[in-house]
């Protein structure tokens, strides 16, 4: 078997959810794909914005099973969004955490 990435889109809330089905994986950040065919450049502000609009999806056992991107149409092509499976998220899942702090940004540099 190989790794599988399932993509779902909640059109009403403009949220993409990506779920991992991987063998022996416990950390979201370790997931990687060959992106040699994908060409999308983000400038510093866009990349920082994407990180802030992203949250991990964690199951009831605390294992990371994917991630969610809010404001999806800002980052993803319309054709990609239209080809994703439809998902209807609960009100609990459509809110970004208020206490999410990734890093501080100062003069174009990330300060941890």
PDB file of N, CA and C in Angstrom:
ATOM      1  N   UNK A   1       0.836  -1.183   0.000  1.00  0.00           N
ATOM      2  CA  UNK A   1       0.000   0.000   0.000  1.00  0.00           C
ATOM      3  C   UNK A   1       0.879   1.244   0.000  1.00  0.00           C
ATOM      4  N   UNK A   2       0.329   2.341  -0.421  1.00  0.00           N
ATOM      5  CA  UNK A   2       1.032   3.602  -0.382  1.00  0.00           C
ATOM      6  C   UNK A   2       0.282   4.602   0.459  1.00  0.00           C
ATOM      7  N   UNK A   3       0.827   5.780   0.507  1.00  0.00           N
ATOM      8  CA  UNK A   3       0.166   6.840   1.234  1.00  0.00           C
ATOM      9  C   UNK A   3      -0.981   7.386   0.396  1.00  0.00           C
ATOM     10  N   UNK A   4      -2.062   7.736   1.067  1.00  0.00           N
ATOM     11  CA  UNK A   4      -3.236   8.278   0.382  1.00  0.00           C
ATOM     12  C   UNK A   4      -3.567   9.621   1.011  1.00  0.00           C
ATOM     13  N   UNK A   5      -3.879  10.584   0.187  1.00  0.00           N
ATOM     14  CA  UNK A   5      -4.304  11.897   0.647  1.00  0.00           C
ATOM     15  C   UNK A   5      -5.717  12.112   0.117  1.00  0.00           C
ATOM     16  N   UNK A   6      -6.676  12.269   1.028  1.00  0.00           N
ATOM     17  CA  UNK A   6      -8.067  12.504   0.640  1.00  0.00           C
ATOM     18  C   UNK A   6      -8.366  13.986   0.809  1.00  0.00           C
ATOM     19  N   UNK A   7      -8.959  14.592  -0.217  1.00  0.00           N
ATOM     20  CA  UNK A   7      -9.233  16.023  -0.219  1.00  0.00           C
ATOM     21  C   UNK A   7     -10.732  16.265  -0.240  1.00  0.00           C
ATOM     22  N   UNK A   8     -11.199  17.080   0.704  1.00  0.00           N
ATOM     23  CA  UNK A   8     -12.616  17.431   0.816  1.00  0.00           C
ATOM     24  C   UNK A   8     -12.743  18.947   0.863  1.00  0.00           C
ATOM     25  N   UNK A   9     -13.878  19.448   0.391  1.00  0.00           N
ATOM     26  CA  UNK A   9     -14.099  20.891   0.361  1.00  0.00           C
ATOM     27  C   UNK A   9     -15.486  21.213   0.895  1.00  0.00           C
ATOM     28  N   UNK A  10     -15.541  22.085   1.874  1.00  0.00           N
ATOM     29  CA  UNK A  10     -16.806  22.612   2.404  1.00  0.00           C
ATOM     30  C   UNK A  10     -17.019  23.959   1.712  1.00  0.00           C
ATOM     31  N   UNK A  11     -17.879  23.969   0.683  1.00  0.00           N
ATOM     32  CA  UNK A  11     -18.103  25.171  -0.119  1.00  0.00           C
ATOM     33  C   UNK A  11     -18.729  26.304   0.689  1.00  0.00           C
ATOM     34  N   UNK A  12     -19.626  25.954   1.569  1.00  0.00           N
ATOM     35  CA  UNK A  12     -20.328  26.985   2.339  1.00  0.00           C
ATOM     36  C   UNK A  12     -19.349  27.773   3.221  1.00  0.00           C
ATOM     37  N   UNK A  13     -18.369  27.075   3.797  1.00  0.00           N
ATOM     38  CA  UNK A  13     -17.416  27.737   4.692  1.00  0.00           C
ATOM     39  C   UNK A  13     -16.074  28.013   4.028  1.00  0.00           C
ATOM     40  N   UNK A  14     -15.893  27.586   2.772  1.00  0.00           N
ATOM     41  CA  UNK A  14     -14.654  27.778   2.012  1.00  0.00           C
ATOM     42  C   UNK A  14     -13.454  27.196   2.759  1.00  0.00           C
ATOM     43  N   UNK A  15     -13.597  25.902   3.144  1.00  0.00           N
ATOM     44  CA  UNK A  15     -12.552  25.220   3.898  1.00  0.00           C
ATOM     45  C   UNK A  15     -12.203  23.910   3.195  1.00  0.00           C
ATOM     46  N   UNK A  16     -10.909  23.700   2.944  1.00  0.00           N
ATOM     47  CA  UNK A  16     -10.415  22.439   2.396  1.00  0.00           C
ATOM     48  C   UNK A  16      -9.865  21.607   3.548  1.00  0.00           C
ATOM     49  N   UNK A  17     -10.240  20.337   3.576  1.00  0.00           N
ATOM     50  CA  UNK A  17      -9.701  19.394   4.561  1.00  0.00           C
ATOM     51  C   UNK A  17      -8.929  18.328   3.813  1.00  0.00           C
ATOM     52  N   UNK A  18      -7.709  18.075   4.245  1.00  0.00           N
ATOM     53  CA  UNK A  18      -6.862  17.045   3.652  1.00  0.00           C
ATOM     54  C   UNK A  18      -6.577  16.013   4.727  1.00  0.00           C
ATOM     55  N   UNK A  19      -6.976  14.779   4.458  1.00  0.00           N
ATOM     56  CA  UNK A  19      -6.822  13.695   5.426  1.00  0.00           C
ATOM     57  C   UNK A  19      -5.757  12.735   4.935  1.00  0.00           C
ATOM     58  N   UNK A  20      -4.856  12.336   5.841  1.00  0.00           N
ATOM     59  CA  UNK A  20      -3.792  11.395   5.519  1.00  0.00           C
ATOM     60  C   UNK A  20      -4.225   9.993   5.889  1.00  0.00           C
ATOM     61  N   UNK A  21      -3.898   9.050   5.051  1.00  0.00           N
ATOM     62  CA  UNK A  21      -3.988   7.637   5.397  1.00  0.00           C
ATOM     63  C   UNK A  21      -2.626   7.079   5.057  1.00  0.00           C
ATOM     64  N   UNK A  22      -1.743   7.058   6.083  1.00  0.00           N
ATOM     65  CA  UNK A  22      -0.362   6.667   5.855  1.00  0.00           C
ATOM     66  C   UNK A  22       0.023   5.540   6.796  1.00  0.00           C
ATOM     67  N   UNK A  23       0.984   4.771   6.377  1.00  0.00           N
ATOM     68  CA  UNK A  23       1.509   3.694   7.201  1.00  0.00           C
ATOM     69  C   UNK A  23       2.544   4.250   8.157  1.00  0.00           C
ATOM     70  N   UNK A  24       2.427   3.917   9.444  1.00  0.00           N
ATOM     71  CA  UNK A  24       3.422   4.260  10.462  1.00  0.00           C
ATOM     72  C   UNK A  24       3.757   5.746  10.511  1.00  0.00           C
ATOM     73  N   UNK A  25       2.763   6.597  10.464  1.00  0.00           N
ATOM     74  CA  UNK A  25       3.031   8.029  10.540  1.00  0.00           C
ATOM     75  C   UNK A  25       2.250   8.635  11.678  1.00  0.00           C
ATOM     76  N   UNK A  26       2.902   9.491  12.431  1.00  0.00           N
ATOM     77  CA  UNK A  26       2.231  10.128  13.554  1.00  0.00           C
ATOM     78  C   UNK A  26       2.349  11.641  13.535  1.00  0.00           C
ATOM     79  N   UNK A  27       3.131  12.192  12.625  1.00  0.00           N
ATOM     80  CA  UNK A  27       3.363  13.635  12.625  1.00  0.00           C
ATOM     81  C   UNK A  27       2.941  14.222  11.298  1.00  0.00           C
ATOM     82  N   UNK A  28       2.078  15.227  11.343  1.00  0.00           N
ATOM     83  CA  UNK A  28       1.590  15.850  10.113  1.00  0.00           C
ATOM     84  C   UNK A  28       2.715  16.439   9.286  1.00  0.00           C
ATOM     85  N   UNK A  29       3.640  17.093   9.918  1.00  0.00           N
ATOM     86  CA  UNK A  29       4.687  17.805   9.188  1.00  0.00           C
ATOM     87  C   UNK A  29       5.593  16.864   8.409  1.00  0.00           C
ATOM     88  N   UNK A  30       5.580  15.577   8.717  1.00  0.00           N
ATOM     89  CA  UNK A  30       6.462  14.651   8.024  1.00  0.00           C
ATOM     90  C   UNK A  30       5.914  14.244   6.655  1.00  0.00           C
ATOM     91  N   UNK A  31       4.681  14.576   6.358  1.00  0.00           N
ATOM     92  CA  UNK A  31       4.083  14.184   5.084  1.00  0.00           C
ATOM     93  C   UNK A  31       4.685  15.002   3.951  1.00  0.00           C
ATOM     94  N   UNK A  32       5.092  14.339   2.902  1.00  0.00           N
ATOM     95  CA  UNK A  32       5.626  15.065   1.755  1.00  0.00           C
ATOM     96  C   UNK A  32       5.187  14.373   0.477  1.00  0.00           C
ATOM     97  N   UNK A  33       5.056  15.125  -0.563  1.00  0.00           N
ATOM     98  CA  UNK A  33       4.676  14.629  -1.882  1.00  0.00           C
ATOM     99  C   UNK A  33       5.709  15.136  -2.876  1.00  0.00           C
ATOM    100  N   UNK A  34       5.856  14.437  -3.979  1.00  0.00           N
ATOM    101  CA  UNK A  34       6.691  14.934  -5.054  1.00  0.00           C
ATOM    102  C   UNK A  34       5.933  16.073  -5.719  1.00  0.00           C
ATOM    103  N   UNK A  35       6.422  17.283  -5.552  1.00  0.00           N
ATOM    104  CA  UNK A  35       5.725  18.455  -6.086  1.00  0.00           C
ATOM    105  C   UNK A  35       6.430  19.020  -7.313  1.00  0.00           C
ATOM    106  N   UNK A  36       7.214  18.187  -7.995  1.00  0.00           N
ATOM    107  CA  UNK A  36       7.968  18.674  -9.149  1.00  0.00           C
ATOM    108  C   UNK A  36       7.057  19.164 -10.269  1.00  0.00           C
ATOM    109  N   UNK A  37       5.829  18.666 -10.330  1.00  0.00           N
ATOM    110  CA  UNK A  37       4.889  19.090 -11.361  1.00  0.00           C
ATOM    111  C   UNK A  37       4.011  20.252 -10.914  1.00  0.00           C
ATOM    112  N   UNK A  38       4.037  20.566  -9.629  1.00  0.00           N
ATOM    113  CA  UNK A  38       3.186  21.626  -9.105  1.00  0.00           C
ATOM    114  C   UNK A  38       3.974  22.925  -9.061  1.00  0.00           C
ATOM    115  N   UNK A  39       3.481  23.938  -9.718  1.00  0.00           N
ATOM    116  CA  UNK A  39       4.170  25.225  -9.745  1.00  0.00           C
ATOM    117  C   UNK A  39       3.276  26.280  -9.109  1.00  0.00           C
ATOM    118  N   UNK A  40       3.611  26.649  -7.897  1.00  0.00           N
ATOM    119  CA  UNK A  40       2.867  27.691  -7.194  1.00  0.00           C
ATOM    120  C   UNK A  40       3.862  28.397  -6.290  1.00  0.00           C
ATOM    121  N   UNK A  41       4.127  29.644  -6.573  1.00  0.00           N
ATOM    122  CA  UNK A  41       5.058  30.414  -5.755  1.00  0.00           C
ATOM    123  C   UNK A  41       4.282  31.331  -4.828  1.00  0.00           C
ATOM    124  N   UNK A  42       4.667  31.335  -3.569  1.00  0.00           N
ATOM    125  CA  UNK A  42       4.081  32.224  -2.588  1.00  0.00           C
ATOM    126  C   UNK A  42       5.135  33.232  -2.170  1.00  0.00           C
ATOM    127  N   UNK A  43       4.749  34.497  -2.094  1.00  0.00           N
ATOM    128  CA  UNK A  43       5.685  35.451  -1.505  1.00  0.00           C
ATOM    129  C   UNK A  43       5.605  35.316   0.012  1.00  0.00           C
ATOM    130  N   UNK A  44       6.426  36.035   0.730  1.00  0.00           N
ATOM    131  CA  UNK A  44       6.510  35.884   2.178  1.00  0.00           C
ATOM    132  C   UNK A  44       5.158  36.109   2.851  1.00  0.00           C
ATOM    133  N   UNK A  45       4.449  37.172   2.478  1.00  0.00           N
ATOM    134  CA  UNK A  45       3.164  37.478   3.108  1.00  0.00           C
ATOM    135  C   UNK A  45       2.120  36.412   2.810  1.00  0.00           C
ATOM    136  N   UNK A  46       2.088  35.899   1.554  1.00  0.00           N
ATOM    137  CA  UNK A  46       1.142  34.842   1.209  1.00  0.00           C
ATOM    138  C   UNK A  46       1.437  33.563   1.991  1.00  0.00           C
ATOM    139  N   UNK A  47       2.717  33.214   2.102  1.00  0.00           N
ATOM    140  CA  UNK A  47       3.092  32.004   2.833  1.00  0.00           C
ATOM    141  C   UNK A  47       2.728  32.129   4.306  1.00  0.00           C
ATOM    142  N   UNK A  48       2.987  33.286   4.893  1.00  0.00           N
ATOM    143  CA  UNK A  48       2.632  33.507   6.301  1.00  0.00           C
ATOM    144  C   UNK A  48       1.125  33.430   6.484  1.00  0.00           C
ATOM    145  N   UNK A  49       0.379  33.980   5.540  1.00  0.00           N
ATOM    146  CA  UNK A  49      -1.077  33.955   5.600  1.00  0.00           C
ATOM    147  C   UNK A  49      -1.588  32.520   5.512  1.00  0.00           C
ATOM    148  N   UNK A  50      -1.005  31.720   4.613  1.00  0.00           N
ATOM    149  CA  UNK A  50      -1.413  30.318   4.479  1.00  0.00           C
ATOM    150  C   UNK A  50      -1.166  29.559   5.776  1.00  0.00           C
ATOM    151  N   UNK A  51      -0.025  29.777   6.403  1.00  0.00           N
ATOM    152  CA  UNK A  51       0.271  29.099   7.670  1.00  0.00           C
ATOM    153  C   UNK A  51      -0.758  29.476   8.728  1.00  0.00           C
ATOM    154  N   UNK A  52      -1.137  30.738   8.774  1.00  0.00           N
ATOM    155  CA  UNK A  52      -2.106  31.182   9.777  1.00  0.00           C
ATOM    156  C   UNK A  52      -3.509  30.660   9.492  1.00  0.00           C
ATOM    157  N   UNK A  53      -3.816  30.367   8.224  1.00  0.00           N
ATOM    158  CA  UNK A  53      -5.131  29.841   7.849  1.00  0.00           C
ATOM    159  C   UNK A  53      -5.182  28.318   7.895  1.00  0.00           C
ATOM    160  N   UNK A  54      -4.150  27.687   8.426  1.00  0.00           N
ATOM    161  CA  UNK A  54      -4.065  26.230   8.425  1.00  0.00           C
ATOM    162  C   UNK A  54      -4.064  25.692   9.861  1.00  0.00           C
ATOM    163  N   UNK A  55      -4.808  24.616  10.080  1.00  0.00           N
ATOM    164  CA  UNK A  55      -4.807  23.939  11.381  1.00  0.00           C
ATOM    165  C   UNK A  55      -4.713  22.436  11.157  1.00  0.00           C
ATOM    166  N   UNK A  56      -4.112  21.729  12.116  1.00  0.00           N
ATOM    167  CA  UNK A  56      -4.044  20.275  12.061  1.00  0.00           C
ATOM    168  C   UNK A  56      -5.404  19.688  12.411  1.00  0.00           C
ATOM    169  N   UNK A  57      -5.703  18.545  11.833  1.00  0.00           N
ATOM    170  CA  UNK A  57      -6.887  17.771  12.207  1.00  0.00           C
ATOM    171  C   UNK A  57      -6.379  16.629  13.075  1.00  0.00           C
ATOM    172  N   UNK A  58      -6.885  16.549  14.294  1.00  0.00           N
ATOM    173  CA  UNK A  58      -6.427  15.559  15.260  1.00  0.00           C
ATOM    174  C   UNK A  58      -7.602  14.659  15.631  1.00  0.00           C
ATOM    175  N   UNK A  59      -7.358  13.338  15.656  1.00  0.00           N
ATOM    176  CA  UNK A  59      -8.438  12.421  16.030  1.00  0.00           C
ATOM    177  C   UNK A  59      -8.593  12.373  17.548  1.00  0.00           C
ATOM    178  N   UNK A  60      -9.546  11.577  18.034  1.00  0.00           N
ATOM    179  CA  UNK A  60      -9.848  11.549  19.467  1.00  0.00           C
ATOM    180  C   UNK A  60      -8.707  10.986  20.303  1.00  0.00           C
ATOM    181  N   UNK A  61      -7.753  10.302  19.657  1.00  0.00           N
ATOM    182  CA  UNK A  61      -6.587   9.761  20.370  1.00  0.00           C
ATOM    183  C   UNK A  61      -5.395  10.722  20.344  1.00  0.00           C
ATOM    184  N   UNK A  62      -5.577  11.891  19.743  1.00  0.00           N
ATOM    185  CA  UNK A  62      -4.507  12.879  19.682  1.00  0.00           C
ATOM    186  C   UNK A  62      -3.556  12.705  18.515  1.00  0.00           C
ATOM    187  N   UNK A  63      -3.857  11.775  17.607  1.00  0.00           N
ATOM    188  CA  UNK A  63      -3.020  11.542  16.434  1.00  0.00           C
ATOM    189  C   UNK A  63      -3.415  12.512  15.318  1.00  0.00           C
ATOM    190  N   UNK A  64      -2.426  13.112  14.701  1.00  0.00           N
ATOM    191  CA  UNK A  64      -2.678  14.033  13.593  1.00  0.00           C
ATOM    192  C   UNK A  64      -3.073  13.228  12.364  1.00  0.00           C
ATOM    193  N   UNK A  65      -4.251  13.512  11.818  1.00  0.00           N
ATOM    194  CA  UNK A  65      -4.757  12.748  10.673  1.00  0.00           C
ATOM    195  C   UNK A  65      -4.900  13.595   9.413  1.00  0.00           C
ATOM    196  N   UNK A  66      -4.489  14.864   9.481  1.00  0.00           N
ATOM    197  CA  UNK A  66      -4.582  15.728   8.318  1.00  0.00           C
ATOM    198  C   UNK A  66      -4.469  17.178   8.712  1.00  0.00           C
ATOM    199  N   UNK A  67      -4.903  18.041   7.801  1.00  0.00           N
ATOM    200  CA  UNK A  67      -4.935  19.463   8.109  1.00  0.00           C
ATOM    201  C   UNK A  67      -6.070  20.135   7.345  1.00  0.00           C
ATOM    202  N   UNK A  68      -6.447  21.282   7.803  1.00  0.00           N
ATOM    203  CA  UNK A  68      -7.558  22.040   7.243  1.00  0.00           C
ATOM    204  C   UNK A  68      -7.048  23.421   6.855  1.00  0.00           C
ATOM    205  N   UNK A  69      -7.476  23.910   5.682  1.00  0.00           N
ATOM    206  CA  UNK A  69      -7.096  25.246   5.215  1.00  0.00           C
ATOM    207  C   UNK A  69      -8.355  26.093   5.096  1.00  0.00           C
ATOM    208  N   UNK A  70      -8.396  27.156   5.876  1.00  0.00           N
ATOM    209  CA  UNK A  70      -9.508  28.109   5.833  1.00  0.00           C
ATOM    210  C   UNK A  70      -9.263  29.084   4.685  1.00  0.00           C
ATOM    211  N   UNK A  71     -10.320  29.735   4.203  1.00  0.00           N
ATOM    212  CA  UNK A  71     -10.223  30.659   3.061  1.00  0.00           C
ATOM    213  C   UNK A  71      -9.574  29.961   1.865  1.00  0.00           C
ATOM    214  N   UNK A  72     -10.010  28.755   1.598  1.00  0.00           N
ATOM    215  CA  UNK A  72      -9.374  27.892   0.600  1.00  0.00           C
ATOM    216  C   UNK A  72      -9.306  28.508  -0.788  1.00  0.00           C
ATOM    217  N   UNK A  73     -10.327  29.245  -1.196  1.00  0.00           N
ATOM    218  CA  UNK A  73     -10.330  29.814  -2.544  1.00  0.00           C
ATOM    219  C   UNK A  73      -9.241  30.864  -2.725  1.00  0.00           C
ATOM    220  N   UNK A  74      -8.683  31.343  -1.639  1.00  0.00           N
ATOM    221  CA  UNK A  74      -7.569  32.299  -1.686  1.00  0.00           C
ATOM    222  C   UNK A  74      -6.270  31.597  -2.100  1.00  0.00           C
ATOM    223  N   UNK A  75      -6.152  30.293  -1.820  1.00  0.00           N
ATOM    224  CA  UNK A  75      -4.912  29.561  -2.034  1.00  0.00           C
ATOM    225  C   UNK A  75      -4.968  28.513  -3.137  1.00  0.00           C
ATOM    226  N   UNK A  76      -6.167  27.986  -3.401  1.00  0.00           N
ATOM    227  CA  UNK A  76      -6.283  26.870  -4.329  1.00  0.00           C
ATOM    228  C   UNK A  76      -7.069  27.263  -5.572  1.00  0.00           C
ATOM    229  N   UNK A  77      -6.698  26.642  -6.685  1.00  0.00           N
ATOM    230  CA  UNK A  77      -7.346  26.844  -7.965  1.00  0.00           C
ATOM    231  C   UNK A  77      -8.801  26.369  -7.902  1.00  0.00           C
ATOM    232  N   UNK A  78      -9.678  27.088  -8.576  1.00  0.00           N
ATOM    233  CA  UNK A  78     -11.106  26.748  -8.577  1.00  0.00           C
ATOM    234  C   UNK A  78     -11.367  25.341  -9.110  1.00  0.00           C
ATOM    235  N   UNK A  79     -10.622  24.927 -10.133  1.00  0.00           N
ATOM    236  CA  UNK A  79     -10.801  23.577 -10.681  1.00  0.00           C
ATOM    237  C   UNK A  79     -10.448  22.509  -9.650  1.00  0.00           C
ATOM    238  N   UNK A  80      -9.406  22.743  -8.877  1.00  0.00           N
ATOM    239  CA  UNK A  80      -9.034  21.805  -7.820  1.00  0.00           C
ATOM    240  C   UNK A  80     -10.135  21.723  -6.769  1.00  0.00           C
ATOM    241  N   UNK A  81     -10.653  22.873  -6.367  1.00  0.00           N
ATOM    242  CA  UNK A  81     -11.721  22.889  -5.365  1.00  0.00           C
ATOM    243  C   UNK A  81     -12.969  22.176  -5.868  1.00  0.00           C
ATOM    244  N   UNK A  82     -13.295  22.382  -7.131  1.00  0.00           N
ATOM    245  CA  UNK A  82     -14.481  21.738  -7.703  1.00  0.00           C
ATOM    246  C   UNK A  82     -14.318  20.229  -7.856  1.00  0.00           C
ATOM    247  N   UNK A  83     -13.082  19.747  -7.942  1.00  0.00           N
ATOM    248  CA  UNK A  83     -12.862  18.307  -8.088  1.00  0.00           C
ATOM    249  C   UNK A  83     -12.766  17.585  -6.746  1.00  0.00           C
ATOM    250  N   UNK A  84     -12.701  18.329  -5.652  1.00  0.00           N
ATOM    251  CA  UNK A  84     -12.624  17.713  -4.317  1.00  0.00           C
ATOM    252  C   UNK A  84     -13.989  17.150  -3.934  1.00  0.00           C
ATOM    253  N   UNK A  85     -13.960  16.137  -3.078  1.00  0.00           N
ATOM    254  CA  UNK A  85     -15.196  15.589  -2.529  1.00  0.00           C
ATOM    255  C   UNK A  85     -15.853  16.646  -1.648  1.00  0.00           C
ATOM    256  N   UNK A  86     -17.174  16.658  -1.603  1.00  0.00           N
ATOM    257  CA  UNK A  86     -17.895  17.624  -0.777  1.00  0.00           C
ATOM    258  C   UNK A  86     -17.887  17.189   0.683  1.00  0.00           C
ATOM    259  N   UNK A  87     -17.748  18.159   1.554  1.00  0.00           N
ATOM    260  CA  UNK A  87     -17.774  17.908   2.999  1.00  0.00           C
ATOM    261  C   UNK A  87     -18.573  19.024   3.655  1.00  0.00           C
ATOM    262  N   UNK A  88     -19.377  18.665   4.635  1.00  0.00           N
ATOM    263  CA  UNK A  88     -20.128  19.651   5.410  1.00  0.00           C
ATOM    264  C   UNK A  88     -19.598  19.579   6.835  1.00  0.00           C
ATOM    265  N   UNK A  89     -18.903  20.631   7.250  1.00  0.00           N
ATOM    266  CA  UNK A  89     -18.280  20.658   8.572  1.00  0.00           C
ATOM    267  C   UNK A  89     -19.238  21.175   9.629  1.00  0.00           C
ATOM    268  N   UNK A  90     -19.064  20.687  10.845  1.00  0.00           N
ATOM    269  CA  UNK A  90     -19.869  21.177  11.963  1.00  0.00           C
ATOM    270  C   UNK A  90     -19.387  22.573  12.352  1.00  0.00           C
ATOM    271  N   UNK A  91     -20.213  23.287  13.071  1.00  0.00           N
ATOM    272  CA  UNK A  91     -19.852  24.642  13.506  1.00  0.00           C
ATOM    273  C   UNK A  91     -18.587  24.642  14.357  1.00  0.00           C
ATOM    274  N   UNK A  92     -18.357  23.568  15.097  1.00  0.00           N
ATOM    275  CA  UNK A  92     -17.148  23.447  15.916  1.00  0.00           C
ATOM    276  C   UNK A  92     -15.888  23.403  15.052  1.00  0.00           C
ATOM    277  N   UNK A  93     -15.993  22.832  13.853  1.00  0.00           N
ATOM    278  CA  UNK A  93     -14.832  22.662  12.977  1.00  0.00           C
ATOM    279  C   UNK A  93     -14.573  23.834  12.033  1.00  0.00           C
ATOM    280  N   UNK A  94     -15.423  24.835  12.049  1.00  0.00           N
ATOM    281  CA  UNK A  94     -15.242  25.948  11.109  1.00  0.00           C
ATOM    282  C   UNK A  94     -14.665  27.194  11.772  1.00  0.00           C
ATOM    283  N   UNK A  95     -14.137  27.039  12.967  1.00  0.00           N
ATOM    284  CA  UNK A  95     -13.554  28.171  13.681  1.00  0.00           C
ATOM    285  C   UNK A  95     -12.060  27.952  13.855  1.00  0.00           C
ATOM    286  N   UNK A  96     -11.290  28.970  13.507  1.00  0.00           N
ATOM    287  CA  UNK A  96      -9.856  28.917  13.783  1.00  0.00           C
ATOM    288  C   UNK A  96      -9.641  29.080  15.278  1.00  0.00           C
ATOM    289  N   UNK A  97      -8.697  28.347  15.861  1.00  0.00           N
ATOM    290  CA  UNK A  97      -8.445  28.522  17.297  1.00  0.00           C
ATOM    291  C   UNK A  97      -7.955  29.937  17.596  1.00  0.00           C
ATOM    292  N   UNK A  98      -8.450  30.519  18.653  1.00  0.00           N
ATOM    293  CA  UNK A  98      -8.073  31.887  19.007  1.00  0.00           C
ATOM    294  C   UNK A  98      -6.658  31.959  19.573  1.00  0.00           C
ATOM    295  N   UNK A  99      -6.180  30.880  20.170  1.00  0.00           N
ATOM    296  CA  UNK A  99      -4.877  30.899  20.819  1.00  0.00           C
ATOM    297  C   UNK A  99      -3.760  30.340  19.948  1.00  0.00           C
ATOM    298  N   UNK A 100      -3.982  30.240  18.653  1.00  0.00           N
ATOM    299  CA  UNK A 100      -2.977  29.687  17.759  1.00  0.00           C
ATOM    300  C   UNK A 100      -1.857  30.700  17.541  1.00  0.00           C
ATOM    301  N   UNK A 101      -0.656  30.360  17.974  1.00  0.00           N
ATOM    302  CA  UNK A 101       0.514  31.205  17.757  1.00  0.00           C
ATOM    303  C   UNK A 101       1.573  30.352  17.085  1.00  0.00           C
ATOM    304  N   UNK A 102       1.967  30.722  15.895  1.00  0.00           N
ATOM    305  CA  UNK A 102       2.977  29.973  15.150  1.00  0.00           C
ATOM    306  C   UNK A 102       4.357  30.571  15.414  1.00  0.00           C
ATOM    307  N   UNK A 103       4.479  31.856  15.193  1.00  0.00           N
ATOM    308  CA  UNK A 103       5.745  32.570  15.368  1.00  0.00           C
ATOM    309  C   UNK A 103       5.463  34.059  15.259  1.00  0.00           C
ATOM    310  N   UNK A 104       6.415  34.840  15.631  1.00  0.00           N
ATOM    311  CA  UNK A 104       6.305  36.284  15.434  1.00  0.00           C
ATOM    312  C   UNK A 104       7.050  36.645  14.170  1.00  0.00           C
ATOM    313  N   UNK A 105       6.544  37.632  13.464  1.00  0.00           N
ATOM    314  CA  UNK A 105       7.164  38.102  12.234  1.00  0.00           C
ATOM    315  C   UNK A 105       7.590  39.543  12.445  1.00  0.00           C
ATOM    316  N   UNK A 106       8.839  39.833  12.111  1.00  0.00           N
ATOM    317  CA  UNK A 106       9.346  41.195  12.268  1.00  0.00           C
ATOM    318  C   UNK A 106      10.279  41.518  11.103  1.00  0.00           C
ATOM    319  N   UNK A 107       9.949  42.537  10.356  1.00  0.00           N
ATOM    320  CA  UNK A 107      10.784  43.004   9.241  1.00  0.00           C
ATOM    321  C   UNK A 107      11.135  41.887   8.269  1.00  0.00           C
ATOM    322  N   UNK A 108      10.130  41.086   7.906  1.00  0.00           N
ATOM    323  CA  UNK A 108      10.333  40.032   6.927  1.00  0.00           C
ATOM    324  C   UNK A 108      11.062  38.818   7.439  1.00  0.00           C
ATOM    325  N   UNK A 109      11.241  38.703   8.770  1.00  0.00           N
ATOM    326  CA  UNK A 109      11.911  37.550   9.354  1.00  0.00           C
ATOM    327  C   UNK A 109      11.009  36.900  10.395  1.00  0.00           C
ATOM    328  N   UNK A 110      11.085  35.589  10.473  1.00  0.00           N
ATOM    329  CA  UNK A 110      10.303  34.855  11.461  1.00  0.00           C
ATOM    330  C   UNK A 110      11.128  34.726  12.731  1.00  0.00           C
ATOM    331  N   UNK A 111      10.535  35.126  13.845  1.00  0.00           N
ATOM    332  CA  UNK A 111      11.186  35.036  15.154  1.00  0.00           C
ATOM    333  C   UNK A 111      10.397  34.039  15.980  1.00  0.00           C
ATOM    334  N   UNK A 112      11.012  32.949  16.369  1.00  0.00           N
ATOM    335  CA  UNK A 112      10.319  31.927  17.145  1.00  0.00           C
ATOM    336  C   UNK A 112      10.306  32.260  18.621  1.00  0.00           C
TER     337      UNK A 112
END
